[in-house]
C-alpha cells in the first residue's frame, strides 16, 4: 500500500472516541495522554492498545508550506510523509503552530485477545473513571496508526485555534 493510500485509509478509518476536556494552552506546553486501539491486520479478534503522551509547545503562527519542515520527534516515515503531503495541499490555511515540535511518546503497548469494539468500550470506561481532563481515546488503523494519532493531534489543535487566537489578541500578540 502506498503512503497516500495509507493516509487515505487511516484518515477515513480513524475515530475519536473521547476528546480531552481541555484545549491546547495558549501560553504553555500542552500534554495529552492518549490511548489508541487498532485491530490486528492478520488476526481476527486481536486488538493492539497503545498508550502514551502527545506534547505541543505553546502556539506560534505556521504557514502551510512549512508543514513539511515540522520536527516530528518519535514519529516514523509515514507521519513525516503525511506532514509533507499536508504542506502540498492547495487551499491549505495558515494556522497556529503548537511549538517547535510535536513529540510522541509511546509509554505502553499491549495486545488484547478481544474484538476492538469490546476493548474500546472497556478502555473508554476506565479512562472516564480516571476523570483525566487531558485524556483522549482513539481508534485507528494498525498500518497507519501514527497517521491516525497525528490527525487527531492536528484536529485537537484546530479546535483550540479560536481560543488561542482570542488569547493572543487579548495579550497584544496579534
Protein backbone atom coordinates (compact mmCIF):
# COMPACT_ATOMS: atom_id res chain seq x y z
CA UNK A 1 0.00 0.00 0.00
CA UNK A 2 1.45 3.40 -0.97
CA UNK A 3 1.90 6.27 1.51
CA UNK A 4 -1.05 8.16 0.02
CA UNK A 5 -3.27 5.05 0.17
CA UNK A 6 -2.24 4.57 3.81
CA UNK A 7 -3.05 8.24 4.52
CA UNK A 8 -6.47 7.99 2.94
CA UNK A 9 -7.37 4.73 4.64
CA UNK A 10 -6.01 5.89 8.01
CA UNK A 11 -7.79 9.24 7.78
CA UNK A 12 -11.11 7.69 6.76
CA UNK A 13 -10.96 4.94 9.39
CA UNK A 14 -9.73 6.96 12.38
CA UNK A 15 -12.24 7.78 15.12
CA UNK A 16 -12.04 9.89 18.22
CA UNK A 17 -13.95 8.12 20.97
CA UNK A 18 -13.14 10.53 23.80
CA UNK A 19 -11.79 14.05 23.35
CA UNK A 20 -9.69 15.75 26.01
CA UNK A 21 -11.80 18.13 28.08
CA UNK A 22 -9.09 20.76 27.75
CA UNK A 23 -7.89 22.74 24.74
CA UNK A 24 -4.31 23.45 23.73
CA UNK A 25 -2.93 26.04 26.14
CA UNK A 26 -2.01 29.35 24.52
CA UNK A 27 0.98 30.27 26.67
CA UNK A 28 2.42 26.99 27.91
CA UNK A 29 3.14 23.43 26.81
CA UNK A 30 0.14 21.12 26.50
CA UNK A 31 0.21 17.40 27.20
CA UNK A 32 -2.34 14.78 26.16
CA UNK A 33 -2.49 11.23 27.47
CA UNK A 34 -3.66 9.08 24.55
CA UNK A 35 -4.95 5.56 24.29
CA UNK A 36 -5.11 4.32 20.70
CA UNK A 37 -6.62 0.99 19.72
CA UNK A 38 -6.04 -0.77 16.41
CA UNK A 39 -7.13 -4.12 15.07
CA UNK A 40 -4.51 -6.69 14.13
CA UNK A 41 -4.39 -6.94 10.34
CA UNK A 42 -3.74 -10.67 10.27
CA UNK A 43 -5.66 -11.97 13.32
CA UNK A 44 -9.38 -11.64 13.91
CA UNK A 45 -10.29 -10.66 17.46
CA UNK A 46 -6.87 -9.25 18.37
CA UNK A 47 -6.59 -5.61 19.38
CA UNK A 48 -3.43 -3.59 19.96
CA UNK A 49 -3.58 -0.89 22.63
CA UNK A 50 -1.01 1.90 22.66
CA UNK A 51 -0.84 4.41 25.48
CA UNK A 52 1.41 7.42 25.56
CA UNK A 53 1.71 11.17 25.60
CA UNK A 54 1.48 13.82 22.95
CA UNK A 55 3.09 17.15 23.69
CA UNK A 56 2.69 20.51 21.97
CA UNK A 57 4.63 23.58 22.93
CA UNK A 58 2.88 26.93 23.05
CA UNK A 59 1.35 28.07 19.72
CA UNK A 60 3.15 30.05 17.02
CA UNK A 61 1.86 31.12 13.59
CA UNK A 62 2.60 28.48 10.90
CA UNK A 63 2.19 28.76 7.13
CA UNK A 64 1.20 25.67 5.07
CA UNK A 65 4.47 25.36 3.17
CA UNK A 66 6.31 25.00 6.48
CA UNK A 67 4.33 21.85 7.38
CA UNK A 68 6.94 19.57 5.82
CA UNK A 69 9.62 21.15 7.99
CA UNK A 70 7.92 20.27 11.24
CA UNK A 71 10.01 18.30 13.63
CA UNK A 72 8.02 15.19 14.42
CA UNK A 73 10.04 13.62 17.20
CA UNK A 74 9.34 9.93 17.71
CA UNK A 75 7.18 9.60 14.56
CA UNK A 76 8.06 7.27 11.68
CA UNK A 77 8.35 7.86 7.93
CA UNK A 78 4.61 7.63 7.25
CA UNK A 79 3.87 10.51 9.64
CA UNK A 80 6.68 12.57 8.07
CA UNK A 81 5.33 11.87 4.60
CA UNK A 82 1.85 12.87 5.78
CA UNK A 83 3.19 16.23 7.06
CA UNK A 84 4.87 16.82 3.68
CA UNK A 85 1.64 15.90 1.89
CA UNK A 86 -0.34 18.37 4.03
CA UNK A 87 2.06 21.15 3.03
CA UNK A 88 1.45 20.47 -0.66
CA UNK A 89 -2.36 20.62 -0.46
CA UNK A 90 -3.92 23.54 -2.33
CA UNK A 91 -6.10 25.82 -0.27
CA UNK A 92 -4.35 24.98 2.98
CA UNK A 93 -4.86 27.68 5.54
CA UNK A 94 -2.32 29.18 7.87
CA UNK A 95 -2.81 28.05 11.43
CA UNK A 96 -1.05 28.24 14.72
CA UNK A 97 1.94 26.02 15.16
CA UNK A 98 1.98 24.46 18.56
CA UNK A 99 5.63 24.71 19.46
CA UNK A 100 8.78 23.83 17.62
CA UNK A 101 7.97 20.18 17.54
CA UNK A 102 5.29 17.62 18.09
CA UNK A 103 6.51 14.91 20.39
CA UNK A 104 5.01 11.48 20.72
CA UNK A 105 5.94 9.09 23.48
CA UNK A 106 4.63 5.57 23.41
CA UNK A 107 4.72 4.51 27.03
CA UNK A 108 2.87 1.22 26.87
CA UNK A 109 1.88 -1.30 24.21
CA UNK A 110 -0.22 -4.36 24.81
CA UNK A 111 -2.04 -6.98 22.81
CA UNK A 112 -5.55 -7.92 23.89
CA UNK A 113 -7.27 -11.05 22.63
CA UNK A 114 -10.70 -9.47 22.21
CA UNK A 115 -12.59 -7.66 19.44
CA UNK A 116 -11.78 -3.97 19.09
CA UNK A 117 -15.35 -2.93 19.97
CA UNK A 118 -15.24 -4.54 23.42
CA UNK A 119 -11.69 -3.30 24.10
CA UNK A 120 -12.75 0.22 23.10
CA UNK A 121 -15.72 0.10 25.48
CA UNK A 122 -13.67 -1.11 28.45
CA UNK A 123 -10.78 1.29 27.80
CA UNK A 124 -13.17 4.25 27.42
CA UNK A 125 -14.92 3.34 30.68
CA UNK A 126 -11.59 3.10 32.53
CA UNK A 127 -10.36 6.43 31.15
CA UNK A 128 -13.64 8.16 32.03
CA UNK A 129 -13.40 6.80 35.59
CA UNK A 130 -9.95 8.40 35.98
CA UNK A 131 -11.52 11.79 35.15
CA UNK A 132 -8.33 12.93 33.45
CA UNK A 133 -9.08 16.18 31.55
CA UNK A 134 -6.04 15.54 29.33
CA UNK A 135 -7.08 12.03 28.20
CA UNK A 136 -8.03 11.05 24.66
CA UNK A 137 -9.29 7.67 23.42
CA UNK A 138 -8.84 6.90 19.73
CA UNK A 139 -9.37 4.07 17.26
CA UNK A 140 -7.06 3.86 14.26
CA UNK A 141 -5.62 1.55 11.65
CA UNK A 142 -2.66 -0.66 12.54
CA UNK A 143 -0.63 0.03 9.41
CA UNK A 144 -1.14 3.80 9.72
CA UNK A 145 -1.62 4.24 13.47
CA UNK A 146 0.81 7.16 13.65
CA UNK A 147 -1.14 8.96 10.92
CA UNK A 148 -4.32 8.43 12.96
CA UNK A 149 -2.60 9.83 16.03
CA UNK A 150 -1.16 12.84 14.19
CA UNK A 151 -4.54 13.53 12.56
CA UNK A 152 -6.20 13.63 15.99
CA UNK A 153 -3.45 15.90 17.30
CA UNK A 154 -3.87 18.35 14.42
CA UNK A 155 -7.68 18.35 14.77
CA UNK A 156 -7.40 18.96 18.52
CA UNK A 157 -5.15 21.92 17.84
CA UNK A 158 -7.51 23.30 15.17
CA UNK A 159 -10.41 23.12 17.65
CA UNK A 160 -8.27 25.11 20.08
CA UNK A 161 -7.47 27.76 17.47
CA UNK A 162 -10.33 30.23 18.18
CA UNK A 163 -9.49 30.35 21.88
CA UNK A 164 -5.76 30.63 21.21
CA UNK A 165 -6.31 33.50 18.75
CA UNK A 166 -8.56 35.23 21.28
CA UNK A 167 -5.88 34.86 23.98
CA UNK A 168 -3.11 36.10 21.65
CA UNK A 169 -5.20 39.14 20.61
CA UNK A 170 -6.08 39.92 24.20
CA UNK A 171 -2.39 39.94 25.12
CA UNK A 172 -1.49 42.09 22.07
CA UNK A 173 0.39 39.45 20.06
CA UNK A 174 -1.98 39.66 17.07
